[in-house]
Amino acid sequence: MEKVKLKNVGTIMTSVIRNQLVTLEDLDEFRERLMSEFKQLIDEKISPVMPRKWLKSYEVRHMLNLSPGTLQKLRSNGTIPYTRIGGAIYYDREDIQRLLSTSKIRS
């Protein structure tokens, strides 16, 4: 293998082995592989993600456009079922969807 010396860069001497030079074909092949991997990663991120089963109070308030007091009242009177773990309150997404469906007013 023949070594080719390139110019001094500062005090560092750089050398390259001739058969390790990168050709345009190598760059094009690398670009194609890179683009393919990027596309795969993007497709994985964009694919539909299952929504979480349990919601926190702020998420339910945002979903239903409720104040904290109104949500508390709906919990207290049993309108919205919930689960308390420690100090956190969780709501089942299906319960919220069911509540919305059964509370529809037909005109």
PDB file of N, CA and C in Angstrom:
ATOM      1  N   MET A   1       0.840  -1.171   0.000  1.00  0.00           N
ATOM      2  CA  MET A   1       0.000   0.000   0.000  1.00  0.00           C
ATOM      3  C   MET A   1       0.884   1.232   0.000  1.00  0.00           C
ATOM      4  N   GLU A   2       0.631   2.087  -0.932  1.00  0.00           N
ATOM      5  CA  GLU A   2       1.430   3.295  -1.082  1.00  0.00           C
ATOM      6  C   GLU A   2       0.810   4.431  -0.287  1.00  0.00           C
ATOM      7  N   LYS A   3       1.614   5.107   0.491  1.00  0.00           N
ATOM      8  CA  LYS A   3       1.120   6.235   1.276  1.00  0.00           C
ATOM      9  C   LYS A   3       1.373   7.528   0.522  1.00  0.00           C
ATOM     10  N   VAL A   4       0.399   8.419   0.610  1.00  0.00           N
ATOM     11  CA  VAL A   4       0.526   9.725  -0.019  1.00  0.00           C
ATOM     12  C   VAL A   4       0.496  10.750   1.091  1.00  0.00           C
ATOM     13  N   LYS A   5       1.501  11.621   1.126  1.00  0.00           N
ATOM     14  CA  LYS A   5       1.535  12.655   2.157  1.00  0.00           C
ATOM     15  C   LYS A   5       0.814  13.886   1.657  1.00  0.00           C
ATOM     16  N   LEU A   6      -0.016  14.417   2.536  1.00  0.00           N
ATOM     17  CA  LEU A   6      -0.717  15.647   2.227  1.00  0.00           C
ATOM     18  C   LEU A   6      -0.021  16.786   2.934  1.00  0.00           C
ATOM     19  N   LYS A   7      -0.457  18.002   2.709  1.00  0.00           N
ATOM     20  CA  LYS A   7       0.191  19.178   3.281  1.00  0.00           C
ATOM     21  C   LYS A   7       0.118  19.182   4.806  1.00  0.00           C
ATOM     22  N   ASN A   8       1.012  19.905   5.432  1.00  0.00           N
ATOM     23  CA  ASN A   8       1.010  20.060   6.885  1.00  0.00           C
ATOM     24  C   ASN A   8      -0.194  20.887   7.294  1.00  0.00           C
ATOM     25  N   VAL A   9      -0.889  20.439   8.309  1.00  0.00           N
ATOM     26  CA  VAL A   9      -1.987  21.198   8.873  1.00  0.00           C
ATOM     27  C   VAL A   9      -1.527  21.549  10.272  1.00  0.00           C
ATOM     28  N   GLY A  10      -1.093  22.813  10.455  1.00  0.00           N
ATOM     29  CA  GLY A  10      -0.485  23.187  11.730  1.00  0.00           C
ATOM     30  C   GLY A  10       0.788  22.379  11.877  1.00  0.00           C
ATOM     31  N   THR A  11       0.897  21.660  12.972  1.00  0.00           N
ATOM     32  CA  THR A  11       2.064  20.805  13.179  1.00  0.00           C
ATOM     33  C   THR A  11       1.730  19.344  12.946  1.00  0.00           C
ATOM     34  N   ILE A  12       0.494  19.083  12.481  1.00  0.00           N
ATOM     35  CA  ILE A  12       0.075  17.694  12.287  1.00  0.00           C
ATOM     36  C   ILE A  12       0.280  17.312  10.831  1.00  0.00           C
ATOM     37  N   MET A  13       0.990  16.226  10.598  1.00  0.00           N
ATOM     38  CA  MET A  13       1.202  15.712   9.250  1.00  0.00           C
ATOM     39  C   MET A  13       0.132  14.662   8.994  1.00  0.00           C
ATOM     40  N   THR A  14      -0.591  14.804   7.904  1.00  0.00           N
ATOM     41  CA  THR A  14      -1.672  13.883   7.589  1.00  0.00           C
ATOM     42  C   THR A  14      -1.254  13.004   6.431  1.00  0.00           C
ATOM     43  N   SER A  15      -1.539  11.726   6.545  1.00  0.00           N
ATOM     44  CA  SER A  15      -1.257  10.839   5.423  1.00  0.00           C
ATOM     45  C   SER A  15      -2.468   9.962   5.167  1.00  0.00           C
ATOM     46  N   VAL A  16      -2.653   9.600   3.921  1.00  0.00           N
ATOM     47  CA  VAL A  16      -3.801   8.802   3.519  1.00  0.00           C
ATOM     48  C   VAL A  16      -3.291   7.631   2.707  1.00  0.00           C
ATOM     49  N   ILE A  17      -3.864   6.492   2.955  1.00  0.00           N
ATOM     50  CA  ILE A  17      -3.530   5.335   2.135  1.00  0.00           C
ATOM     51  C   ILE A  17      -4.374   5.445   0.875  1.00  0.00           C
ATOM     52  N   ARG A  18      -3.737   5.291  -0.283  1.00  0.00           N
ATOM     53  CA  ARG A  18      -4.367   5.560  -1.569  1.00  0.00           C
ATOM     54  C   ARG A  18      -5.681   4.801  -1.755  1.00  0.00           C
ATOM     55  N   ASN A  19      -5.759   3.532  -1.384  1.00  0.00           N
ATOM     56  CA  ASN A  19      -6.988   2.780  -1.633  1.00  0.00           C
ATOM     57  C   ASN A  19      -8.081   3.102  -0.617  1.00  0.00           C
ATOM     58  N   GLN A  20      -7.853   4.065   0.272  1.00  0.00           N
ATOM     59  CA  GLN A  20      -8.873   4.485   1.219  1.00  0.00           C
ATOM     60  C   GLN A  20      -9.489   5.827   0.838  1.00  0.00           C
ATOM     61  N   LEU A  21      -9.153   6.339  -0.313  1.00  0.00           N
ATOM     62  CA  LEU A  21      -9.763   7.584  -0.764  1.00  0.00           C
ATOM     63  C   LEU A  21     -11.245   7.357  -1.042  1.00  0.00           C
ATOM     64  N   VAL A  22     -12.040   8.347  -0.770  1.00  0.00           N
ATOM     65  CA  VAL A  22     -13.480   8.257  -0.974  1.00  0.00           C
ATOM     66  C   VAL A  22     -13.808   8.791  -2.360  1.00  0.00           C
ATOM     67  N   THR A  23     -14.532   7.990  -3.119  1.00  0.00           N
ATOM     68  CA  THR A  23     -14.908   8.404  -4.467  1.00  0.00           C
ATOM     69  C   THR A  23     -16.312   8.998  -4.456  1.00  0.00           C
ATOM     70  N   LEU A  24     -16.685   9.616  -5.561  1.00  0.00           N
ATOM     71  CA  LEU A  24     -18.042  10.147  -5.690  1.00  0.00           C
ATOM     72  C   LEU A  24     -19.073   9.029  -5.593  1.00  0.00           C
ATOM     73  N   GLU A  25     -18.723   7.880  -6.116  1.00  0.00           N
ATOM     74  CA  GLU A  25     -19.623   6.730  -6.033  1.00  0.00           C
ATOM     75  C   GLU A  25     -19.824   6.315  -4.571  1.00  0.00           C
ATOM     76  N   ASP A  26     -18.749   6.320  -3.783  1.00  0.00           N
ATOM     77  CA  ASP A  26     -18.855   6.006  -2.352  1.00  0.00           C
ATOM     78  C   ASP A  26     -19.757   7.012  -1.645  1.00  0.00           C
ATOM     79  N   LEU A  27     -19.571   8.285  -1.962  1.00  0.00           N
ATOM     80  CA  LEU A  27     -20.391   9.324  -1.339  1.00  0.00           C
ATOM     81  C   LEU A  27     -21.861   9.167  -1.708  1.00  0.00           C
ATOM     82  N   ASP A  28     -22.115   8.841  -2.964  1.00  0.00           N
ATOM     83  CA  ASP A  28     -23.489   8.658  -3.413  1.00  0.00           C
ATOM     84  C   ASP A  28     -24.131   7.459  -2.710  1.00  0.00           C
ATOM     85  N   GLU A  29     -23.378   6.372  -2.585  1.00  0.00           N
ATOM     86  CA  GLU A  29     -23.882   5.186  -1.885  1.00  0.00           C
ATOM     87  C   GLU A  29     -24.156   5.506  -0.413  1.00  0.00           C
ATOM     88  N   PHE A  30     -23.259   6.252   0.216  1.00  0.00           N
ATOM     89  CA  PHE A  30     -23.436   6.655   1.611  1.00  0.00           C
ATOM     90  C   PHE A  30     -24.679   7.531   1.762  1.00  0.00           C
ATOM     91  N   ARG A  31     -24.855   8.466   0.839  1.00  0.00           N
ATOM     92  CA  ARG A  31     -26.024   9.350   0.873  1.00  0.00           C
ATOM     93  C   ARG A  31     -27.314   8.544   0.767  1.00  0.00           C
ATOM     94  N   GLU A  32     -27.341   7.573  -0.135  1.00  0.00           N
ATOM     95  CA  GLU A  32     -28.537   6.742  -0.308  1.00  0.00           C
ATOM     96  C   GLU A  32     -28.859   5.960   0.969  1.00  0.00           C
ATOM     97  N   ARG A  33     -27.835   5.367   1.591  1.00  0.00           N
ATOM     98  CA  ARG A  33     -28.061   4.621   2.835  1.00  0.00           C
ATOM     99  C   ARG A  33     -28.536   5.550   3.942  1.00  0.00           C
ATOM    100  N   LEU A  34     -27.926   6.727   4.023  1.00  0.00           N
ATOM    101  CA  LEU A  34     -28.295   7.696   5.051  1.00  0.00           C
ATOM    102  C   LEU A  34     -29.738   8.166   4.865  1.00  0.00           C
ATOM    103  N   MET A  35     -30.111   8.471   3.633  1.00  0.00           N
ATOM    104  CA  MET A  35     -31.477   8.909   3.351  1.00  0.00           C
ATOM    105  C   MET A  35     -32.482   7.800   3.680  1.00  0.00           C
ATOM    106  N   SER A  36     -32.125   6.569   3.372  1.00  0.00           N
ATOM    107  CA  SER A  36     -33.003   5.440   3.668  1.00  0.00           C
ATOM    108  C   SER A  36     -33.202   5.288   5.175  1.00  0.00           C
ATOM    109  N   GLU A  37     -32.124   5.422   5.942  1.00  0.00           N
ATOM    110  CA  GLU A  37     -32.226   5.311   7.400  1.00  0.00           C
ATOM    111  C   GLU A  37     -33.027   6.471   7.986  1.00  0.00           C
ATOM    112  N   PHE A  38     -32.828   7.682   7.466  1.00  0.00           N
ATOM    113  CA  PHE A  38     -33.614   8.832   7.927  1.00  0.00           C
ATOM    114  C   PHE A  38     -35.099   8.613   7.657  1.00  0.00           C
ATOM    115  N   LYS A  39     -35.416   8.131   6.461  1.00  0.00           N
ATOM    116  CA  LYS A  39     -36.817   7.886   6.103  1.00  0.00           C
ATOM    117  C   LYS A  39     -37.437   6.864   7.049  1.00  0.00           C
ATOM    118  N   GLN A  40     -36.697   5.808   7.351  1.00  0.00           N
ATOM    119  CA  GLN A  40     -37.203   4.780   8.259  1.00  0.00           C
ATOM    120  C   GLN A  40     -37.453   5.361   9.649  1.00  0.00           C
ATOM    121  N   LEU A  41     -36.522   6.168  10.158  1.00  0.00           N
ATOM    122  CA  LEU A  41     -36.692   6.786  11.473  1.00  0.00           C
ATOM    123  C   LEU A  41     -37.893   7.725  11.502  1.00  0.00           C
ATOM    124  N   ILE A  42     -38.056   8.515  10.455  1.00  0.00           N
ATOM    125  CA  ILE A  42     -39.182   9.449  10.376  1.00  0.00           C
ATOM    126  C   ILE A  42     -40.496   8.681  10.319  1.00  0.00           C
ATOM    127  N   ASP A  43     -40.546   7.618   9.519  1.00  0.00           N
ATOM    128  CA  ASP A  43     -41.765   6.808   9.423  1.00  0.00           C
ATOM    129  C   ASP A  43     -42.135   6.200  10.768  1.00  0.00           C
ATOM    130  N   GLU A  44     -41.127   5.761  11.526  1.00  0.00           N
ATOM    131  CA  GLU A  44     -41.394   5.182  12.848  1.00  0.00           C
ATOM    132  C   GLU A  44     -41.960   6.233  13.793  1.00  0.00           C
ATOM    133  N   LYS A  45     -41.454   7.463  13.720  1.00  0.00           N
ATOM    134  CA  LYS A  45     -41.912   8.524  14.618  1.00  0.00           C
ATOM    135  C   LYS A  45     -43.298   9.027  14.238  1.00  0.00           C
ATOM    136  N   ILE A  46     -43.608   9.043  12.951  1.00  0.00           N
ATOM    137  CA  ILE A  46     -44.879   9.582  12.480  1.00  0.00           C
ATOM    138  C   ILE A  46     -46.001   8.556  12.599  1.00  0.00           C
ATOM    139  N   SER A  47     -45.666   7.272  12.626  1.00  0.00           N
ATOM    140  CA  SER A  47     -46.704   6.247  12.659  1.00  0.00           C
ATOM    141  C   SER A  47     -47.628   6.466  13.851  1.00  0.00           C
ATOM    142  N   PRO A  48     -48.899   6.097  13.684  1.00  0.00           N
ATOM    143  CA  PRO A  48     -49.861   6.348  14.757  1.00  0.00           C
ATOM    144  C   PRO A  48     -49.427   5.687  16.063  1.00  0.00           C
ATOM    145  N   VAL A  49     -49.513   6.444  17.113  1.00  0.00           N
ATOM    146  CA  VAL A  49     -49.134   5.958  18.432  1.00  0.00           C
ATOM    147  C   VAL A  49     -50.414   5.773  19.238  1.00  0.00           C
ATOM    148  N   MET A  50     -50.495   4.679  19.954  1.00  0.00           N
ATOM    149  CA  MET A  50     -51.666   4.441  20.798  1.00  0.00           C
ATOM    150  C   MET A  50     -51.706   5.500  21.890  1.00  0.00           C
ATOM    151  N   PRO A  51     -52.857   6.151  22.081  1.00  0.00           N
ATOM    152  CA  PRO A  51     -52.944   7.137  23.159  1.00  0.00           C
ATOM    153  C   PRO A  51     -52.869   6.441  24.519  1.00  0.00           C
ATOM    154  N   ARG A  52     -52.370   7.171  25.491  1.00  0.00           N
ATOM    155  CA  ARG A  52     -52.267   6.611  26.839  1.00  0.00           C
ATOM    156  C   ARG A  52     -53.656   6.304  27.379  1.00  0.00           C
ATOM    157  N   LYS A  53     -53.756   5.244  28.161  1.00  0.00           N
ATOM    158  CA  LYS A  53     -55.039   4.840  28.741  1.00  0.00           C
ATOM    159  C   LYS A  53     -55.451   5.770  29.870  1.00  0.00           C
ATOM    160  N   TRP A  54     -54.510   6.235  30.672  1.00  0.00           N
ATOM    161  CA  TRP A  54     -54.819   7.046  31.847  1.00  0.00           C
ATOM    162  C   TRP A  54     -54.450   8.498  31.615  1.00  0.00           C
ATOM    163  N   LEU A  55     -55.350   9.392  32.016  1.00  0.00           N
ATOM    164  CA  LEU A  55     -55.142  10.832  31.862  1.00  0.00           C
ATOM    165  C   LEU A  55     -55.037  11.481  33.230  1.00  0.00           C
ATOM    166  N   LYS A  56     -54.263  12.553  33.311  1.00  0.00           N
ATOM    167  CA  LYS A  56     -54.184  13.331  34.547  1.00  0.00           C
ATOM    168  C   LYS A  56     -55.261  14.417  34.512  1.00  0.00           C
ATOM    169  N   SER A  57     -55.489  15.036  35.669  1.00  0.00           N
ATOM    170  CA  SER A  57     -56.562  16.035  35.787  1.00  0.00           C
ATOM    171  C   SER A  57     -56.425  17.159  34.772  1.00  0.00           C
ATOM    172  N   TYR A  58     -55.206  17.693  34.602  1.00  0.00           N
ATOM    173  CA  TYR A  58     -55.044  18.819  33.675  1.00  0.00           C
ATOM    174  C   TYR A  58     -55.385  18.415  32.248  1.00  0.00           C
ATOM    175  N   GLU A  59     -55.146  17.138  31.886  1.00  0.00           N
ATOM    176  CA  GLU A  59     -55.478  16.681  30.539  1.00  0.00           C
ATOM    177  C   GLU A  59     -56.997  16.592  30.355  1.00  0.00           C
ATOM    178  N   VAL A  60     -57.689  16.103  31.381  1.00  0.00           N
ATOM    179  CA  VAL A  60     -59.152  16.013  31.310  1.00  0.00           C
ATOM    180  C   VAL A  60     -59.754  17.412  31.275  1.00  0.00           C
ATOM    181  N   ARG A  61     -59.217  18.315  32.104  1.00  0.00           N
ATOM    182  CA  ARG A  61     -59.722  19.701  32.099  1.00  0.00           C
ATOM    183  C   ARG A  61     -59.545  20.322  30.725  1.00  0.00           C
ATOM    184  N   HIS A  62     -58.400  20.077  30.108  1.00  0.00           N
ATOM    185  CA  HIS A  62     -58.139  20.627  28.777  1.00  0.00           C
ATOM    186  C   HIS A  62     -59.076  19.996  27.744  1.00  0.00           C
ATOM    187  N   MET A  63     -59.265  18.680  27.829  1.00  0.00           N
ATOM    188  CA  MET A  63     -60.144  17.968  26.896  1.00  0.00           C
ATOM    189  C   MET A  63     -61.577  18.474  26.955  1.00  0.00           C
ATOM    190  N   LEU A  64     -62.064  18.691  28.190  1.00  0.00           N
ATOM    191  CA  LEU A  64     -63.466  19.058  28.390  1.00  0.00           C
ATOM    192  C   LEU A  64     -63.669  20.550  28.617  1.00  0.00           C
ATOM    193  N   ASN A  65     -62.571  21.306  28.609  1.00  0.00           N
ATOM    194  CA  ASN A  65     -62.621  22.749  28.841  1.00  0.00           C
ATOM    195  C   ASN A  65     -63.308  23.065  30.177  1.00  0.00           C
ATOM    196  N   LEU A  66     -62.802  22.444  31.242  1.00  0.00           N
ATOM    197  CA  LEU A  66     -63.369  22.606  32.580  1.00  0.00           C
ATOM    198  C   LEU A  66     -62.396  23.334  33.494  1.00  0.00           C
ATOM    199  N   SER A  67     -62.935  23.992  34.491  1.00  0.00           N
ATOM    200  CA  SER A  67     -62.096  24.590  35.532  1.00  0.00           C
ATOM    201  C   SER A  67     -61.756  23.493  36.541  1.00  0.00           C
ATOM    202  N   PRO A  68     -60.721  23.703  37.360  1.00  0.00           N
ATOM    203  CA  PRO A  68     -60.395  22.710  38.391  1.00  0.00           C
ATOM    204  C   PRO A  68     -61.572  22.444  39.330  1.00  0.00           C
ATOM    205  N   GLY A  69     -62.311  23.486  39.691  1.00  0.00           N
ATOM    206  CA  GLY A  69     -63.455  23.321  40.590  1.00  0.00           C
ATOM    207  C   GLY A  69     -64.564  22.483  39.986  1.00  0.00           C
ATOM    208  N   THR A  70     -64.838  22.700  38.705  1.00  0.00           N
ATOM    209  CA  THR A  70     -65.888  21.933  38.035  1.00  0.00           C
ATOM    210  C   THR A  70     -65.494  20.463  37.943  1.00  0.00           C
ATOM    211  N   LEU A  71     -64.238  20.197  37.633  1.00  0.00           N
ATOM    212  CA  LEU A  71     -63.781  18.812  37.571  1.00  0.00           C
ATOM    213  C   LEU A  71     -63.896  18.158  38.947  1.00  0.00           C
ATOM    214  N   GLN A  72     -63.541  18.897  39.993  1.00  0.00           N
ATOM    215  CA  GLN A  72     -63.673  18.390  41.362  1.00  0.00           C
ATOM    216  C   GLN A  72     -65.136  18.051  41.670  1.00  0.00           C
ATOM    217  N   LYS A  73     -66.048  18.912  41.253  1.00  0.00           N
ATOM    218  CA  LYS A  73     -67.478  18.684  41.495  1.00  0.00           C
ATOM    219  C   LYS A  73     -67.950  17.424  40.761  1.00  0.00           C
ATOM    220  N   LEU A  74     -67.495  17.244  39.510  1.00  0.00           N
ATOM    221  CA  LEU A  74     -67.880  16.062  38.736  1.00  0.00           C
ATOM    222  C   LEU A  74     -67.321  14.781  39.363  1.00  0.00           C
ATOM    223  N   ARG A  75     -66.138  14.878  39.956  1.00  0.00           N
ATOM    224  CA  ARG A  75     -65.580  13.726  40.682  1.00  0.00           C
ATOM    225  C   ARG A  75     -66.408  13.437  41.926  1.00  0.00           C
ATOM    226  N   SER A  76     -66.700  14.492  42.689  1.00  0.00           N
ATOM    227  CA  SER A  76     -67.413  14.339  43.970  1.00  0.00           C
ATOM    228  C   SER A  76     -68.816  13.768  43.805  1.00  0.00           C
ATOM    229  N   ASN A  77     -69.517  14.206  42.755  1.00  0.00           N
ATOM    230  CA  ASN A  77     -70.892  13.703  42.584  1.00  0.00           C
ATOM    231  C   ASN A  77     -70.945  12.398  41.782  1.00  0.00           C
ATOM    232  N   GLY A  78     -69.778  11.849  41.419  1.00  0.00           N
ATOM    233  CA  GLY A  78     -69.725  10.543  40.760  1.00  0.00           C
ATOM    234  C   GLY A  78     -69.949  10.569  39.267  1.00  0.00           C
ATOM    235  N   THR A  79     -69.998  11.756  38.677  1.00  0.00           N
ATOM    236  CA  THR A  79     -70.207  11.853  37.229  1.00  0.00           C
ATOM    237  C   THR A  79     -69.004  11.313  36.464  1.00  0.00           C
ATOM    238  N   ILE A  80     -67.811  11.621  36.954  1.00  0.00           N
ATOM    239  CA  ILE A  80     -66.584  11.166  36.304  1.00  0.00           C
ATOM    240  C   ILE A  80     -65.853  10.220  37.255  1.00  0.00           C
ATOM    241  N   PRO A  81     -65.720   8.935  36.870  1.00  0.00           N
ATOM    242  CA  PRO A  81     -64.964   8.012  37.714  1.00  0.00           C
ATOM    243  C   PRO A  81     -63.466   8.334  37.648  1.00  0.00           C
ATOM    244  N   TYR A  82     -62.763   8.049  38.718  1.00  0.00           N
ATOM    245  CA  TYR A  82     -61.334   8.344  38.776  1.00  0.00           C
ATOM    246  C   TYR A  82     -60.637   7.345  39.680  1.00  0.00           C
ATOM    247  N   THR A  83     -59.318   7.352  39.609  1.00  0.00           N
ATOM    248  CA  THR A  83     -58.476   6.524  40.464  1.00  0.00           C
ATOM    249  C   THR A  83     -57.455   7.429  41.112  1.00  0.00           C
ATOM    250  N   ARG A  84     -57.273   7.260  42.407  1.00  0.00           N
ATOM    251  CA  ARG A  84     -56.274   8.069  43.115  1.00  0.00           C
ATOM    252  C   ARG A  84     -55.129   7.143  43.522  1.00  0.00           C
ATOM    253  N   ILE A  85     -53.928   7.528  43.146  1.00  0.00           N
ATOM    254  CA  ILE A  85     -52.727   6.803  43.546  1.00  0.00           C
ATOM    255  C   ILE A  85     -51.833   7.815  44.231  1.00  0.00           C
ATOM    256  N   GLY A  86     -51.658   7.643  45.521  1.00  0.00           N
ATOM    257  CA  GLY A  86     -50.925   8.646  46.284  1.00  0.00           C
ATOM    258  C   GLY A  86     -51.708   9.940  46.212  1.00  0.00           C
ATOM    259  N   GLY A  87     -51.053  11.006  45.778  1.00  0.00           N
ATOM    260  CA  GLY A  87     -51.731  12.287  45.649  1.00  0.00           C
ATOM    261  C   GLY A  87     -52.223  12.569  44.244  1.00  0.00           C
ATOM    262  N   ALA A  88     -51.903  11.683  43.299  1.00  0.00           N
ATOM    263  CA  ALA A  88     -52.267  11.929  41.900  1.00  0.00           C
ATOM    264  C   ALA A  88     -53.611  11.294  41.570  1.00  0.00           C
ATOM    265  N   ILE A  89     -54.381  11.997  40.758  1.00  0.00           N
ATOM    266  CA  ILE A  89     -55.688  11.501  40.323  1.00  0.00           C
ATOM    267  C   ILE A  89     -55.599  11.190  38.832  1.00  0.00           C
ATOM    268  N   TYR A  90     -56.080   9.999  38.467  1.00  0.00           N
ATOM    269  CA  TYR A  90     -56.050   9.554  37.081  1.00  0.00           C
ATOM    270  C   TYR A  90     -57.459   9.219  36.617  1.00  0.00           C
ATOM    271  N   TYR A  91     -57.696   9.437  35.325  1.00  0.00           N
ATOM    272  CA  TYR A  91     -58.992   9.168  34.710  1.00  0.00           C
ATOM    273  C   TYR A  91     -58.765   8.227  33.538  1.00  0.00           C
ATOM    274  N   ASP A  92     -59.639   7.261  33.389  1.00  0.00           N
ATOM    275  CA  ASP A  92     -59.563   6.333  32.270  1.00  0.00           C
ATOM    276  C   ASP A  92     -60.085   7.051  31.022  1.00  0.00           C
ATOM    277  N   ARG A  93     -59.299   7.055  29.976  1.00  0.00           N
ATOM    278  CA  ARG A  93     -59.679   7.731  28.727  1.00  0.00           C
ATOM    279  C   ARG A  93     -61.020   7.208  28.208  1.00  0.00           C
ATOM    280  N   GLU A  94     -61.237   5.897  28.310  1.00  0.00           N
ATOM    281  CA  GLU A  94     -62.495   5.309  27.823  1.00  0.00           C
ATOM    282  C   GLU A  94     -63.690   5.823  28.623  1.00  0.00           C
ATOM    283  N   ASP A  95     -63.517   6.024  29.935  1.00  0.00           N
ATOM    284  CA  ASP A  95     -64.610   6.573  30.754  1.00  0.00           C
ATOM    285  C   ASP A  95     -64.982   7.977  30.298  1.00  0.00           C
ATOM    286  N   ILE A  96     -63.973   8.779  29.972  1.00  0.00           N
ATOM    287  CA  ILE A  96     -64.227  10.154  29.519  1.00  0.00           C
ATOM    288  C   ILE A  96     -64.949  10.121  28.173  1.00  0.00           C
ATOM    289  N   GLN A  97     -64.481   9.262  27.254  1.00  0.00           N
ATOM    290  CA  GLN A  97     -65.127   9.148  25.941  1.00  0.00           C
ATOM    291  C   GLN A  97     -66.576   8.666  26.102  1.00  0.00           C
ATOM    292  N   ARG A  98     -66.789   7.696  26.983  1.00  0.00           N
ATOM    293  CA  ARG A  98     -68.138   7.171  27.224  1.00  0.00           C
ATOM    294  C   ARG A  98     -69.040   8.262  27.791  1.00  0.00           C
ATOM    295  N   LEU A  99     -68.517   9.049  28.726  1.00  0.00           N
ATOM    296  CA  LEU A  99     -69.284  10.147  29.316  1.00  0.00           C
ATOM    297  C   LEU A  99     -69.716  11.139  28.238  1.00  0.00           C
ATOM    298  N   LEU A 100     -68.805  11.466  27.340  1.00  0.00           N
ATOM    299  CA  LEU A 100     -69.142  12.394  26.259  1.00  0.00           C
ATOM    300  C   LEU A 100     -70.206  11.803  25.339  1.00  0.00           C
ATOM    301  N   SER A 101     -70.091  10.518  25.036  1.00  0.00           N
ATOM    302  CA  SER A 101     -71.057   9.875  24.135  1.00  0.00           C
ATOM    303  C   SER A 101     -72.439   9.781  24.757  1.00  0.00           C
ATOM    304  N   THR A 102     -72.509   9.416  26.035  1.00  0.00           N
ATOM    305  CA  THR A 102     -73.819   9.231  26.677  1.00  0.00           C
ATOM    306  C   THR A 102     -74.464  10.552  27.065  1.00  0.00           C
ATOM    307  N   SER A 103     -73.687  11.623  27.106  1.00  0.00           N
ATOM    308  CA  SER A 103     -74.236  12.928  27.496  1.00  0.00           C
ATOM    309  C   SER A 103     -74.689  13.756  26.303  1.00  0.00           C
ATOM    310  N   LYS A 104     -74.649  13.163  25.112  1.00  0.00           N
ATOM    311  CA  LYS A 104     -75.070  13.901  23.923  1.00  0.00           C
ATOM    312  C   LYS A 104     -76.535  14.274  24.033  1.00  0.00           C
ATOM    313  N   ILE A 105     -76.841  15.465  23.624  1.00  0.00           N
ATOM    314  CA  ILE A 105     -78.230  15.928  23.600  1.00  0.00           C
ATOM    315  C   ILE A 105     -78.657  15.977  22.141  1.00  0.00           C
ATOM    316  N   ARG A 106     -79.682  15.226  21.846  1.00  0.00           N
ATOM    317  CA  ARG A 106     -80.174  15.198  20.461  1.00  0.00           C
ATOM    318  C   ARG A 106     -81.235  16.280  20.302  1.00  0.00           C
ATOM    319  N   SER A 107     -81.134  17.022  19.212  1.00  0.00           N
ATOM    320  CA  SER A 107     -82.120  18.096  19.003  1.00  0.00           C
ATOM    321  C   SER A 107     -83.106  17.733  17.919  1.00  0.00           C
TER     322      SER A 107
END
